[in-house]
Amino acid sequence: MPETKDKQSVPAVETKDKCPTSTAETKDKRPAPAAKTTDKRARTLEPLTSTFSASMFTTADELSTSFAQATPYPHTRIAPFCSDSLLRGVRTEMLERLHYTQKETDIFKYHQSGDLANLDGLPAAEQAQLPCLRQLRDSLYSQEFRDFVSRVTGCGPLSGSRTDMSTNRYMQGDHLLLHDDVIGDRRVSYIIYLPDPDAADASGWADESGGGLELYARESPNSWAPAECPEKTIRPRWNQLVMFTVLPGQSHHAVQEVCGERERLSIQGWFHFPQPGEPGYSVDQMQQLWTDGAESTLSQIAASHQRAHGTQETEFMAFPKCIEDTSIVSSEDKTELRLMNPEYLSESVMTQVASRFADDSHIELAQFLNPAVASALQPLLNAADEHDKVGNGHMAAHGTRGAGWIINGPPVVRRFACLQSAEDALGVQLMDIHKMFEGPAFARWLASVSALALRGRRGAVRRFRAGLDYTLASPDAGSSCTTLDAVLCLAPGTTWLDGVVGGYHCYVDSGDGDASNDGSVYRAAGDDGILLTTPASWNSLSLVMREPNVVRFIKYVSAHAPGSRWDVSFEYSVDE
């Protein structure tokens, strides 16, 4: 799982006397620094029998067999794995003694503590307030437990000097999108679950509560991209340990959005390959991770061929000739543009729009569709969401799409439904809008209000299902040429406006175009790289001139959104 810990920070301990902590809040936006290197020999370990389940070590051979046979890739679950009293103490310290910072990018949203590797950097008085966390951390990275992990997973020796773990609080709406954990020299990933042990569902959350760990198979033996839907979902459960080997292009997983009111409390961490000077270290040890042709999530996000993967129009469809500013819409064009609000076809309004666009290079046009068209369309959209049980606290089921729709992926870059054919009344109306956006009359109107010369176009009708869909700000979300983006958003309701339920459209300066090492380009709100954010809304057209170094994304749509984010999204290549 990606992380955003500052390697120089230590966990902020919240004390009752409010004494100052040894560090400020963790606000560094750089992801995945090197884990803390510490000397385990200097620690005094509690006996492992006081930490772990008494029966766990005796079942290593059985666990090893089940681990190797598990699908979609080797993994195991151990429950209970830890002393119940110790883990309750850990949970209390996590909730009462640690400070959490909300972290959000295009790929995740959750609350995280500082790096637990740095507990030793705290003043002695603050360390004394975290005895259970220290015991668990030291026991996990002890030689005995690392040998146990190596035996179960068959991964070979693990480092005793790299401690890499943090505590996470997934509250309602928090999530972590699909990735494979391949960063640096990570070897084994683990998650320790600490939901409320006294709740009725402590032995396993219900499906509708969300928060499950989704495991994805490869889409085919010939591809390293993940499948459209997860093969297995592991529900949060008290005193459960899940671990798997980190495999490029194979260990794909995601954390479902937490939909209920209770939070998903967990500890995430990694065991690393041996470091120089440690037993088992080899200069070429990382090579064993890379099967011939394997591509990690980060590689897939950065690979240019992913732009074409799963998209319907990989190249711009050229107009017969370049379309330039005509200033006046002909009567023939007005007939072709009859789905538009007629106010936007008047010369005076077009002049106002052109002036605003010339100043800002973007504009938002409310009530863009003809009121009669919009009024007929909205109940059809609402009915589709109601039929599919999408939104208002319900996660859409994987595979939900409707007649005439396909799923556009791969999910390491994007996931949404795309309209292919008009199979019902809704499809007919949406396809009519698509045809208008595709036609030369609409391009002439765009050229008039933007003063840009347009050479070609590509686009689609999209449905971002609540609890499932998104696009990431990968380099492939950009374009090799300057474009005019025209996105007609059709998201009923007003709860989108503050962005809490996602679905907003964000433009980001990608700089050198490289994805960060957690796979995301966008960082947190307030980052200097954010150029423009447009919330989802009803019947609103967004026009944006986008340069090649600018990427964009649609933020994951929360299950608590009022329904799907529907849109008609087109790009028009600009003649420069």
Protein backbone atom coordinates (compact mmCIF):
# COMPACT_ATOMS: atom_id res chain seq x y z
CA MET A 1 0.00 0.00 0.00
CA PRO A 2 1.33 3.48 -0.71
CA GLU A 3 2.40 5.63 2.15
CA THR A 4 3.20 9.29 2.70
CA LYS A 5 5.22 9.26 5.88
CA ASP A 6 7.97 11.80 6.41
CA LYS A 7 11.06 9.80 7.20
CA GLN A 8 12.29 12.55 9.53
CA SER A 9 9.11 12.69 11.62
CA VAL A 10 8.16 10.73 14.68
CA PRO A 11 4.62 9.91 15.79
CA ALA A 12 3.10 12.81 17.64
CA VAL A 13 1.95 11.63 21.05
CA GLU A 14 -1.08 13.36 22.52
CA THR A 15 -0.58 13.67 26.25
CA LYS A 16 -3.14 14.64 28.84
CA ASP A 17 -1.04 17.56 30.07
CA LYS A 18 -0.73 18.80 26.47
CA CYS A 19 3.04 18.90 26.68
CA PRO A 20 4.67 19.66 23.31
CA THR A 21 5.51 16.69 21.16
CA SER A 22 8.90 16.19 19.64
CA THR A 23 7.67 17.00 16.16
CA ALA A 24 5.08 18.96 14.26
CA GLU A 25 2.23 17.29 12.41
CA THR A 26 3.23 15.12 9.50
CA LYS A 27 2.50 17.31 6.49
CA ASP A 28 5.25 16.44 4.06
CA LYS A 29 3.59 15.63 0.75
CA ARG A 30 6.41 13.52 -0.61
CA PRO A 31 5.33 9.87 -0.61
CA ALA A 32 7.06 6.68 0.40
CA PRO A 33 10.42 7.70 1.89
CA ALA A 34 12.93 5.07 2.89
CA ALA A 35 11.91 3.26 6.05
CA LYS A 36 13.70 3.97 9.29
CA THR A 37 16.84 1.95 9.96
CA THR A 38 17.14 0.94 13.59
CA ASP A 39 19.20 -1.47 15.64
CA LYS A 40 16.96 -4.20 17.03
CA ARG A 41 19.82 -5.60 19.14
CA ALA A 42 19.56 -2.54 21.38
CA ARG A 43 15.98 -3.39 22.31
CA THR A 44 14.77 -5.54 25.16
CA LEU A 45 12.08 -7.82 23.75
CA GLU A 46 9.20 -9.17 25.75
CA PRO A 47 8.88 -12.95 25.29
CA LEU A 48 7.10 -13.60 21.99
CA THR A 49 4.62 -15.84 23.81
CA SER A 50 3.28 -12.72 25.52
CA THR A 51 2.76 -11.06 22.13
CA PHE A 52 1.52 -13.65 19.68
CA SER A 53 -1.11 -16.36 19.69
CA ALA A 54 0.31 -19.47 21.34
CA SER A 55 -0.74 -21.74 18.47
CA MET A 56 0.46 -19.58 15.60
CA PHE A 57 4.04 -20.79 15.38
CA THR A 58 3.01 -24.45 15.50
CA THR A 59 0.92 -24.04 12.34
CA ALA A 60 3.70 -22.59 10.16
CA ASP A 61 3.78 -25.57 7.80
CA GLU A 62 0.01 -25.54 7.30
CA LEU A 63 0.07 -21.79 6.76
CA SER A 64 2.89 -22.18 4.24
CA THR A 65 0.88 -24.69 2.21
CA SER A 66 -2.28 -22.57 2.21
CA PHE A 67 -0.24 -19.46 1.42
CA ALA A 68 1.26 -21.02 -1.69
CA GLN A 69 -2.12 -22.30 -2.89
CA ALA A 70 -4.06 -19.08 -2.24
CA THR A 71 -5.55 -17.17 -5.13
CA PRO A 72 -5.40 -14.75 -6.88
CA TYR A 73 -1.82 -14.62 -5.55
CA PRO A 74 -0.10 -16.07 -2.47
CA HIS A 75 -1.45 -14.64 0.78
CA THR A 76 -2.62 -15.75 4.20
CA ARG A 77 -4.93 -14.71 7.02
CA ILE A 78 -4.18 -15.49 10.66
CA ALA A 79 -6.83 -14.87 13.32
CA PRO A 80 -6.25 -14.60 16.16
CA PHE A 81 -2.57 -13.84 15.72
CA CYS A 82 -1.87 -11.69 18.78
CA SER A 83 -2.51 -11.65 22.51
CA ASP A 84 -5.98 -10.16 22.91
CA SER A 85 -5.00 -8.07 25.93
CA LEU A 86 -1.90 -6.70 24.20
CA LEU A 87 -3.83 -5.80 21.05
CA ARG A 88 -6.50 -4.03 23.10
CA GLY A 89 -3.70 -2.02 24.68
CA VAL A 90 -2.32 -1.22 21.23
CA ARG A 91 -5.77 -0.06 20.11
CA THR A 92 -6.16 2.19 23.14
CA GLU A 93 -2.76 3.78 22.54
CA MET A 94 -3.55 4.28 18.85
CA LEU A 95 -6.82 6.05 19.63
CA GLU A 96 -5.75 8.02 22.70
CA ARG A 97 -2.02 8.66 22.31
CA LEU A 98 -1.26 9.12 18.60
CA HIS A 99 -1.98 12.07 16.37
CA TYR A 100 -3.38 11.46 12.87
CA THR A 101 -3.18 13.62 9.78
CA GLN A 102 -5.70 13.32 6.98
CA LYS A 103 -4.00 12.45 3.71
CA GLU A 104 -5.66 12.64 0.34
CA THR A 105 -4.50 12.26 -3.24
CA ASP A 106 -6.16 10.97 -6.38
CA ILE A 107 -5.42 7.40 -5.24
CA PHE A 108 -6.28 7.47 -1.53
CA LYS A 109 -7.97 9.20 1.35
CA TYR A 110 -7.37 8.21 4.97
CA HIS A 111 -5.89 9.35 8.29
CA GLN A 112 -2.36 8.26 9.17
CA SER A 113 0.01 8.49 12.13
CA GLY A 114 3.72 9.15 11.92
CA ASP A 115 6.17 6.36 11.17
CA LEU A 116 6.25 3.86 14.05
CA ALA A 117 9.85 3.13 13.12
CA ASN A 118 10.61 6.43 14.80
CA LEU A 119 9.16 5.63 18.21
CA ASP A 120 12.72 5.44 19.52
CA GLY A 121 13.14 9.11 18.59
CA LEU A 122 10.53 10.20 21.12
CA PRO A 123 11.53 11.55 24.54
CA ALA A 124 11.58 8.84 27.21
CA ALA A 125 8.41 10.20 28.83
CA GLU A 126 6.48 9.89 25.58
CA GLN A 127 7.89 6.44 24.80
CA ALA A 128 6.60 5.31 28.18
CA GLN A 129 3.06 6.14 27.05
CA LEU A 130 3.22 3.63 24.18
CA PRO A 131 4.39 0.36 25.79
CA CYS A 132 2.00 -1.88 23.85
CA LEU A 133 2.83 -0.39 20.47
CA ARG A 134 6.55 -0.72 21.20
CA GLN A 135 6.16 -4.35 22.23
CA LEU A 136 4.16 -5.21 19.12
CA ARG A 137 6.57 -3.39 16.81
CA ASP A 138 9.66 -4.98 18.32
CA SER A 139 8.08 -8.44 18.29
CA LEU A 140 7.04 -8.12 14.64
CA TYR A 141 10.58 -7.29 13.56
CA SER A 142 12.28 -9.77 15.89
CA GLN A 143 14.42 -12.52 14.35
CA GLU A 144 11.95 -15.16 15.50
CA PHE A 145 8.94 -13.57 13.84
CA ARG A 146 10.83 -12.71 10.68
CA ASP A 147 11.90 -16.35 10.44
CA PHE A 148 8.25 -17.33 10.84
CA VAL A 149 7.21 -14.97 8.03
CA SER A 150 9.99 -16.31 5.80
CA ARG A 151 8.90 -19.87 6.48
CA VAL A 152 5.23 -19.17 5.72
CA THR A 153 5.80 -17.09 2.59
CA GLY A 154 8.96 -18.75 1.24
CA CYS A 155 10.36 -15.27 0.63
CA GLY A 156 13.85 -15.87 2.01
CA PRO A 157 15.67 -13.74 4.62
CA LEU A 158 14.13 -10.43 5.71
CA SER A 159 15.79 -7.32 7.05
CA GLY A 160 15.96 -6.80 10.80
CA SER A 161 17.15 -3.21 10.47
CA ARG A 162 14.33 -1.79 8.33
CA THR A 163 11.21 -1.10 10.38
CA ASP A 164 8.40 0.15 8.15
CA MET A 165 4.94 0.51 9.70
CA SER A 166 2.27 3.08 10.54
CA THR A 167 -1.23 3.18 11.95
CA ASN A 168 -4.22 4.13 9.80
CA ARG A 169 -7.74 5.25 10.59
CA TYR A 170 -10.17 4.81 7.71
CA MET A 171 -13.24 6.83 8.55
CA GLN A 172 -16.46 7.10 6.57
CA GLY A 173 -15.57 7.88 2.96
CA ASP A 174 -11.89 6.90 3.28
CA HIS A 175 -10.46 4.53 0.68
CA LEU A 176 -7.32 3.30 -1.07
CA LEU A 177 -7.46 2.53 -4.79
CA LEU A 178 -5.79 -0.31 -6.63
CA HIS A 179 -1.99 -0.76 -6.53
CA ASP A 180 0.54 -3.56 -6.00
CA ASP A 181 2.83 -2.15 -3.22
CA VAL A 182 5.96 -2.31 -5.39
CA ILE A 183 8.10 0.50 -3.99
CA GLY A 184 11.78 0.21 -3.19
CA ASP A 185 12.88 -3.11 -1.69
CA ARG A 186 9.61 -4.15 -0.04
CA ARG A 187 9.34 -7.93 0.18
CA VAL A 188 6.26 -8.79 2.30
CA SER A 189 3.25 -6.61 3.00
CA TYR A 190 1.10 -7.02 6.12
CA ILE A 191 -2.04 -5.52 7.64
CA ILE A 192 -3.13 -5.90 11.25
CA TYR A 193 -6.85 -5.23 11.83
CA LEU A 194 -8.04 -3.52 15.00
CA PRO A 195 -11.77 -2.71 14.65
CA ASP A 196 -13.82 -2.41 17.83
CA PRO A 197 -13.34 -5.80 19.54
CA ASP A 198 -16.57 -5.44 21.51
CA ALA A 199 -18.80 -4.62 18.53
CA ALA A 200 -21.25 -7.18 17.26
CA ASP A 201 -19.35 -7.46 13.97
CA ALA A 202 -15.86 -7.82 15.51
CA SER A 203 -15.57 -11.26 13.89
CA GLY A 204 -16.09 -9.79 10.44
CA TRP A 205 -17.65 -6.66 8.98
CA ALA A 206 -20.74 -6.93 6.82
CA ASP A 207 -20.36 -6.35 3.09
CA GLU A 208 -22.32 -3.11 3.22
CA SER A 209 -19.90 -1.64 5.77
CA GLY A 210 -17.10 -1.56 3.20
CA GLY A 211 -13.47 -1.39 4.29
CA GLY A 212 -12.63 -4.78 2.79
CA LEU A 213 -9.25 -5.64 1.30
CA GLU A 214 -9.86 -6.48 -2.37
CA LEU A 215 -7.44 -8.85 -4.10
CA TYR A 216 -7.24 -8.71 -7.91
CA ALA A 217 -6.01 -11.34 -10.34
CA ARG A 218 -4.24 -10.47 -13.58
CA GLU A 219 -6.73 -9.83 -16.39
CA SER A 220 -5.12 -12.62 -18.44
CA PRO A 221 -1.96 -14.76 -18.46
CA ASN A 222 -0.61 -12.47 -21.18
CA SER A 223 -1.15 -9.21 -19.30
CA TRP A 224 0.24 -7.68 -16.13
CA ALA A 225 -2.76 -5.37 -15.78
CA PRO A 226 -5.31 -6.28 -13.08
CA ALA A 227 -8.73 -7.70 -13.85
CA GLU A 228 -11.80 -5.48 -13.85
CA CYS A 229 -13.23 -6.99 -10.64
CA PRO A 230 -11.58 -8.36 -7.49
CA GLU A 231 -11.40 -12.11 -7.10
CA LYS A 232 -11.50 -12.05 -3.30
CA THR A 233 -12.44 -9.59 -0.55
CA ILE A 234 -11.10 -9.93 2.99
CA ARG A 235 -13.32 -8.20 5.56
CA PRO A 236 -11.98 -6.29 8.58
CA ARG A 237 -11.90 -8.56 11.63
CA TRP A 238 -10.57 -8.05 15.11
CA ASN A 239 -7.11 -9.54 15.75
CA GLN A 240 -6.55 -10.56 12.13
CA LEU A 241 -3.21 -10.47 10.33
CA VAL A 242 -3.11 -10.56 6.52
CA MET A 243 0.16 -10.81 4.65
CA PHE A 244 1.33 -11.39 1.09
CA THR A 245 4.54 -11.19 -0.89
CA VAL A 246 5.02 -8.03 -2.94
CA LEU A 247 4.99 -9.07 -6.59
CA PRO A 248 5.25 -6.58 -9.49
CA GLY A 249 2.14 -6.67 -11.63
CA GLN A 250 0.58 -9.41 -9.47
CA SER A 251 -0.09 -8.33 -5.87
CA HIS A 252 -2.84 -5.92 -6.92
CA HIS A 253 -5.13 -4.91 -4.08
CA ALA A 254 -7.34 -2.05 -2.89
CA VAL A 255 -9.17 -1.01 0.27
CA GLN A 256 -12.88 -0.46 -0.22
CA GLU A 257 -14.39 2.77 0.97
CA VAL A 258 -15.61 2.64 4.56
CA CYS A 259 -19.36 3.14 4.30
CA GLY A 260 -20.54 2.70 7.88
CA GLU A 261 -20.08 4.99 10.84
CA ARG A 262 -17.44 2.83 12.55
CA GLU A 263 -13.85 3.35 11.50
CA ARG A 264 -11.43 0.79 10.08
CA LEU A 265 -8.43 0.92 12.42
CA SER A 266 -5.34 -0.92 11.23
CA ILE A 267 -1.58 -1.12 11.23
CA GLN A 268 0.08 -1.44 7.84
CA GLY A 269 3.69 -2.29 7.22
CA TRP A 270 6.29 -4.10 5.20
CA PHE A 271 9.21 -6.42 5.68
CA HIS A 272 12.11 -5.56 3.41
CA PHE A 273 14.88 -7.41 1.66
CA PRO A 274 18.08 -7.71 3.73
CA GLN A 275 20.23 -4.58 3.75
CA PRO A 276 23.97 -4.53 3.01
CA GLY A 277 25.82 -6.35 5.78
CA GLU A 278 22.77 -8.34 6.93
CA PRO A 279 22.55 -12.15 6.56
CA GLY A 280 21.07 -13.12 3.21
CA TYR A 281 21.90 -9.85 1.44
CA SER A 282 22.63 -10.16 -2.26
CA VAL A 283 23.46 -7.43 -4.72
CA ASP A 284 20.94 -8.80 -7.24
CA GLN A 285 18.26 -9.83 -4.70
CA MET A 286 15.65 -7.52 -6.22
CA GLN A 287 15.80 -9.36 -9.52
CA GLN A 288 13.85 -12.28 -8.08
CA LEU A 289 10.81 -9.99 -7.90
CA TRP A 290 10.70 -9.35 -11.62
CA THR A 291 9.29 -12.14 -13.71
CA ASP A 292 10.03 -11.72 -17.41
CA GLY A 293 7.92 -8.85 -18.69
CA ALA A 294 6.33 -8.03 -15.31
CA GLU A 295 5.10 -4.47 -14.88
CA SER A 296 4.45 -2.94 -11.48
CA THR A 297 1.52 -0.63 -10.85
CA LEU A 298 3.85 2.36 -11.11
CA SER A 299 5.22 1.10 -14.42
CA GLN A 300 1.69 0.60 -15.73
CA ILE A 301 0.66 4.07 -14.64
CA ALA A 302 3.67 5.59 -16.40
CA ALA A 303 3.47 3.43 -19.53
CA SER A 304 2.21 5.31 -22.57
CA HIS A 305 0.41 2.27 -23.95
CA GLN A 306 -2.05 2.44 -21.05
CA ARG A 307 -3.60 5.50 -22.69
CA ALA A 308 -4.91 3.24 -25.43
CA HIS A 309 -5.77 0.30 -23.18
CA GLY A 310 -9.52 0.11 -22.79
CA THR A 311 -10.30 3.41 -24.48
CA GLN A 312 -12.65 3.65 -27.41
CA GLU A 313 -10.94 6.39 -29.38
CA THR A 314 -7.18 6.30 -29.06
CA GLU A 315 -6.60 8.91 -31.76
CA PHE A 316 -8.35 12.16 -32.56
CA MET A 317 -10.87 11.92 -35.40
CA ALA A 318 -9.93 14.75 -37.73
CA PHE A 319 -12.45 17.20 -39.09
CA PRO A 320 -12.47 17.47 -42.90
CA LYS A 321 -10.76 20.83 -42.45
CA CYS A 322 -9.58 22.87 -39.49
CA ILE A 323 -12.54 24.61 -37.80
CA GLU A 324 -11.91 28.23 -36.90
CA ASP A 325 -13.80 31.12 -35.30
CA THR A 326 -16.97 31.98 -37.23
CA SER A 327 -18.42 34.34 -34.58
CA ILE A 328 -21.98 33.81 -35.88
CA VAL A 329 -23.92 30.55 -35.62
CA SER A 330 -25.83 29.79 -38.82
CA SER A 331 -29.47 28.73 -38.86
CA GLU A 332 -28.37 25.26 -40.01
CA ASP A 333 -26.00 24.99 -37.05
CA LYS A 334 -28.74 26.10 -34.65
CA THR A 335 -30.80 23.17 -35.84
CA GLU A 336 -27.88 20.82 -35.20
CA LEU A 337 -27.42 22.38 -31.76
CA ARG A 338 -31.08 22.18 -30.72
CA LEU A 339 -30.14 20.19 -27.59
CA MET A 340 -28.31 23.25 -26.24
CA ASN A 341 -29.90 25.97 -24.18
CA PRO A 342 -30.77 28.54 -26.90
CA GLU A 343 -29.39 31.37 -24.76
CA TYR A 344 -25.87 30.11 -25.49
CA LEU A 345 -26.51 30.45 -29.22
CA SER A 346 -27.27 34.18 -29.04
CA GLU A 347 -24.54 36.50 -30.31
CA SER A 348 -24.48 38.61 -27.14
CA VAL A 349 -24.04 35.62 -24.80
CA MET A 350 -21.42 34.05 -27.05
CA THR A 351 -19.48 37.33 -26.92
CA GLN A 352 -19.60 37.33 -23.11
CA VAL A 353 -18.46 33.70 -22.98
CA ALA A 354 -15.63 34.42 -25.42
CA SER A 355 -14.43 37.39 -23.37
CA ARG A 356 -14.38 35.38 -20.14
CA PHE A 357 -12.64 32.45 -21.77
CA ALA A 358 -10.01 34.75 -23.30
CA ASP A 359 -9.18 36.05 -19.80
CA ASP A 360 -9.12 32.73 -17.90
CA SER A 361 -8.69 29.93 -20.49
CA HIS A 362 -11.58 28.16 -18.79
CA ILE A 363 -15.25 28.76 -18.09
CA GLU A 364 -18.21 26.97 -16.53
CA LEU A 365 -21.56 27.27 -18.30
CA ALA A 366 -24.57 26.42 -16.12
CA GLN A 367 -27.86 25.07 -17.47
CA PHE A 368 -26.15 24.18 -20.72
CA LEU A 369 -28.70 21.77 -22.14
CA ASN A 370 -32.07 22.88 -23.37
CA PRO A 371 -34.32 22.89 -20.23
CA ALA A 372 -36.75 20.45 -21.86
CA VAL A 373 -33.92 18.05 -22.70
CA ALA A 374 -32.46 18.28 -19.19
CA SER A 375 -35.86 17.77 -17.58
CA ALA A 376 -36.46 14.62 -19.60
CA LEU A 377 -32.96 13.27 -18.92
CA GLN A 378 -32.72 13.68 -15.15
CA PRO A 379 -35.42 11.15 -14.14
CA LEU A 380 -33.84 8.56 -16.46
CA LEU A 381 -30.46 8.99 -14.76
CA ASN A 382 -32.04 8.78 -11.31
CA ALA A 383 -33.97 5.66 -12.28
CA ALA A 384 -30.82 3.94 -13.51
CA ASP A 385 -29.03 4.64 -10.20
CA GLU A 386 -32.03 3.48 -8.18
CA HIS A 387 -32.27 0.29 -10.21
CA ASP A 388 -28.57 -0.46 -9.72
CA LYS A 389 -28.58 0.60 -6.04
CA VAL A 390 -25.89 3.20 -6.64
CA GLY A 391 -25.12 5.97 -4.14
CA ASN A 392 -26.69 7.28 -0.94
CA GLY A 393 -24.47 5.02 1.15
CA HIS A 394 -24.55 2.02 -1.20
CA MET A 395 -21.44 0.86 -3.02
CA ALA A 396 -22.21 -0.13 -6.57
CA ALA A 397 -21.60 -3.82 -7.17
CA HIS A 398 -18.67 -4.69 -9.40
CA GLY A 399 -19.98 -5.38 -12.88
CA THR A 400 -22.87 -2.92 -12.60
CA ARG A 401 -23.11 -1.21 -15.97
CA GLY A 402 -26.49 -1.31 -17.73
CA ALA A 403 -27.42 -2.27 -21.29
CA GLY A 404 -25.08 -0.83 -23.90
CA TRP A 405 -22.30 0.06 -21.44
CA ILE A 406 -18.81 -1.43 -21.02
CA ILE A 407 -16.23 -0.93 -18.27
CA ASN A 408 -13.24 1.19 -19.23
CA GLY A 409 -9.93 0.33 -17.56
CA PRO A 410 -7.42 -0.86 -16.54
CA PRO A 411 -8.16 -0.04 -12.89
CA VAL A 412 -4.55 0.94 -12.17
CA VAL A 413 -5.29 4.03 -14.28
CA ARG A 414 -9.07 4.39 -14.54
CA ARG A 415 -12.39 2.66 -13.98
CA PHE A 416 -15.76 3.87 -15.23
CA ALA A 417 -18.61 2.71 -17.45
CA CYS A 418 -18.61 3.90 -21.06
CA LEU A 419 -21.67 4.00 -23.32
CA GLN A 420 -21.23 1.95 -26.51
CA SER A 421 -24.73 1.71 -27.92
CA ALA A 422 -28.20 3.09 -27.26
CA GLU A 423 -30.19 0.16 -25.84
CA ASP A 424 -32.87 2.10 -23.93
CA ALA A 425 -34.38 5.58 -23.60
CA LEU A 426 -31.48 6.78 -21.45
CA GLY A 427 -28.93 5.51 -23.94
CA VAL A 428 -30.74 7.20 -26.82
CA GLN A 429 -30.73 10.60 -25.13
CA LEU A 430 -27.11 10.37 -24.05
CA MET A 431 -26.00 9.19 -27.48
CA ASP A 432 -27.79 12.14 -29.07
CA ILE A 433 -25.70 14.49 -26.92
CA HIS A 434 -22.57 12.55 -27.88
CA LYS A 435 -23.40 12.99 -31.57
CA MET A 436 -23.84 16.73 -31.06
CA PHE A 437 -20.42 17.01 -29.38
CA GLU A 438 -18.88 14.97 -32.18
CA GLY A 439 -20.36 17.05 -35.01
CA PRO A 440 -18.88 20.03 -36.86
CA ALA A 441 -21.67 22.42 -35.78
CA PHE A 442 -20.69 22.07 -32.11
CA ALA A 443 -17.02 22.42 -33.04
CA ARG A 444 -17.83 25.68 -34.83
CA TRP A 445 -19.63 26.96 -31.74
CA LEU A 446 -16.61 26.00 -29.60
CA ALA A 447 -14.23 27.71 -32.00
CA SER A 448 -16.36 30.85 -31.79
CA VAL A 449 -16.39 31.10 -27.98
CA SER A 450 -12.77 29.95 -27.50
CA ALA A 451 -11.08 31.64 -30.49
CA LEU A 452 -9.21 28.36 -31.02
CA ALA A 453 -8.79 26.49 -34.28
CA LEU A 454 -9.86 22.86 -33.82
CA ARG A 455 -8.40 20.00 -35.86
CA GLY A 456 -10.05 16.89 -34.43
CA ARG A 457 -12.00 15.37 -31.54
CA ARG A 458 -12.44 12.29 -29.39
CA GLY A 459 -14.78 11.61 -26.51
CA ALA A 460 -17.19 9.37 -24.68
CA VAL A 461 -20.31 9.24 -22.53
CA ARG A 462 -19.15 8.15 -19.07
CA ARG A 463 -20.74 6.93 -15.87
CA PHE A 464 -18.71 7.09 -12.65
CA ARG A 465 -20.56 4.73 -10.32
CA ALA A 466 -20.65 5.67 -6.64
CA GLY A 467 -18.32 3.48 -4.59
CA LEU A 468 -16.36 2.23 -7.59
CA ASP A 469 -15.11 4.66 -10.21
CA TYR A 470 -12.34 7.21 -10.83
CA THR A 471 -9.53 8.25 -13.14
CA LEU A 472 -6.00 8.88 -11.89
CA ALA A 473 -3.70 11.81 -12.62
CA SER A 474 -1.20 9.64 -14.44
CA PRO A 475 1.03 11.02 -17.21
CA ASP A 476 -1.33 9.27 -19.63
CA ALA A 477 -4.13 11.56 -18.47
CA GLY A 478 -2.40 14.32 -20.40
CA SER A 479 -2.11 14.84 -24.13
CA SER A 480 0.73 15.31 -26.58
CA CYS A 481 -0.90 18.48 -27.92
CA THR A 482 -2.87 21.43 -26.60
CA THR A 483 -6.54 20.51 -26.30
CA LEU A 484 -9.84 22.17 -25.59
CA ASP A 485 -11.68 20.02 -23.05
CA ALA A 486 -15.47 20.17 -23.15
CA VAL A 487 -17.10 18.19 -20.33
CA LEU A 488 -20.84 18.26 -19.79
CA CYS A 489 -21.42 17.08 -16.23
CA LEU A 490 -24.80 15.52 -15.46
CA ALA A 491 -24.63 14.82 -11.72
CA PRO A 492 -28.03 15.33 -10.06
CA GLY A 493 -28.14 16.81 -6.57
CA THR A 494 -26.19 19.49 -4.69
CA THR A 495 -24.12 17.43 -2.25
CA TRP A 496 -21.22 17.39 -4.73
CA LEU A 497 -20.30 21.03 -4.29
CA ASP A 498 -17.86 20.75 -1.34
CA GLY A 499 -16.01 17.80 -2.88
CA VAL A 500 -16.43 15.55 0.16
CA VAL A 501 -18.13 12.83 -1.90
CA GLY A 502 -15.56 13.17 -4.69
CA GLY A 503 -16.46 13.22 -8.35
CA TYR A 504 -14.72 16.55 -8.90
CA HIS A 505 -12.63 17.23 -11.99
CA CYS A 506 -9.10 18.36 -11.15
CA TYR A 507 -6.34 19.74 -13.41
CA VAL A 508 -2.75 19.41 -12.23
CA ASP A 509 0.59 20.66 -13.49
CA SER A 510 2.52 17.41 -13.85
CA GLY A 511 5.91 19.12 -14.07
CA ASP A 512 8.25 16.63 -15.70
CA GLY A 513 5.34 14.26 -16.27
CA ASP A 514 6.58 11.55 -13.90
CA ALA A 515 4.21 9.78 -11.55
CA SER A 516 5.22 9.98 -7.91
CA ASN A 517 6.34 6.79 -6.24
CA ASP A 518 2.91 6.00 -4.85
CA GLY A 519 1.44 6.28 -8.33
CA SER A 520 -0.24 9.63 -7.91
CA VAL A 521 0.63 12.99 -9.39
CA TYR A 522 -1.84 15.06 -7.41
CA ARG A 523 -0.90 15.58 -3.79
CA ALA A 524 -3.14 17.15 -1.13
CA ALA A 525 -5.50 20.11 -1.28
CA GLY A 526 -3.57 23.35 -1.42
CA ASP A 527 -0.69 21.93 -3.42
CA ASP A 528 0.83 24.47 -5.81
CA GLY A 529 0.47 22.01 -8.68
CA ILE A 530 -3.33 22.17 -8.67
CA LEU A 531 -4.48 24.51 -11.44
CA LEU A 532 -8.25 24.07 -11.44
CA THR A 533 -10.87 22.03 -9.60
CA THR A 534 -14.45 21.80 -10.79
CA PRO A 535 -17.04 20.09 -8.58
CA ALA A 536 -19.57 17.75 -10.13
CA SER A 537 -22.86 19.49 -10.84
CA TRP A 538 -26.05 19.19 -12.83
CA ASN A 539 -26.21 20.25 -16.48
CA SER A 540 -22.99 22.26 -16.47
CA LEU A 541 -20.46 22.49 -19.32
CA SER A 542 -16.81 23.00 -18.43
CA LEU A 543 -14.50 24.38 -21.13
CA VAL A 544 -10.76 24.27 -20.40
CA MET A 545 -7.78 24.88 -22.63
CA ARG A 546 -5.23 22.28 -21.55
CA GLU A 547 -1.55 22.31 -22.39
CA PRO A 548 0.49 19.08 -22.82
CA ASN A 549 2.12 19.23 -19.37
CA VAL A 550 -1.25 19.38 -17.61
CA VAL A 551 -2.94 16.17 -16.47
CA ARG A 552 -6.43 15.73 -15.07
CA PHE A 553 -8.41 13.27 -13.04
CA ILE A 554 -11.89 12.55 -11.74
CA LYS A 555 -11.71 11.94 -8.01
CA TYR A 556 -13.11 8.60 -6.79
CA VAL A 557 -16.89 8.91 -6.36
CA SER A 558 -17.91 8.06 -2.81
CA ALA A 559 -20.69 5.60 -2.03
CA HIS A 560 -22.27 8.52 -0.15
CA ALA A 561 -22.68 10.56 -3.32
CA PRO A 562 -26.34 11.02 -4.34
CA GLY A 563 -25.72 8.77 -7.36
CA SER A 564 -23.40 8.36 -10.30
CA ARG A 565 -21.42 11.17 -11.85
CA TRP A 566 -22.56 11.06 -15.49
CA ASP A 567 -20.83 13.14 -18.13
CA VAL A 568 -20.17 13.62 -21.82
CA SER A 569 -16.43 14.24 -22.06
CA PHE A 570 -14.71 15.40 -25.24
CA GLU A 571 -11.24 16.63 -26.17
CA TYR A 572 -10.63 18.78 -29.24
CA SER A 573 -7.09 19.04 -30.61
CA VAL A 574 -5.99 22.63 -31.14
CA ASP A 575 -4.18 23.82 -34.25
CA GLU A 576 -1.07 25.61 -33.01
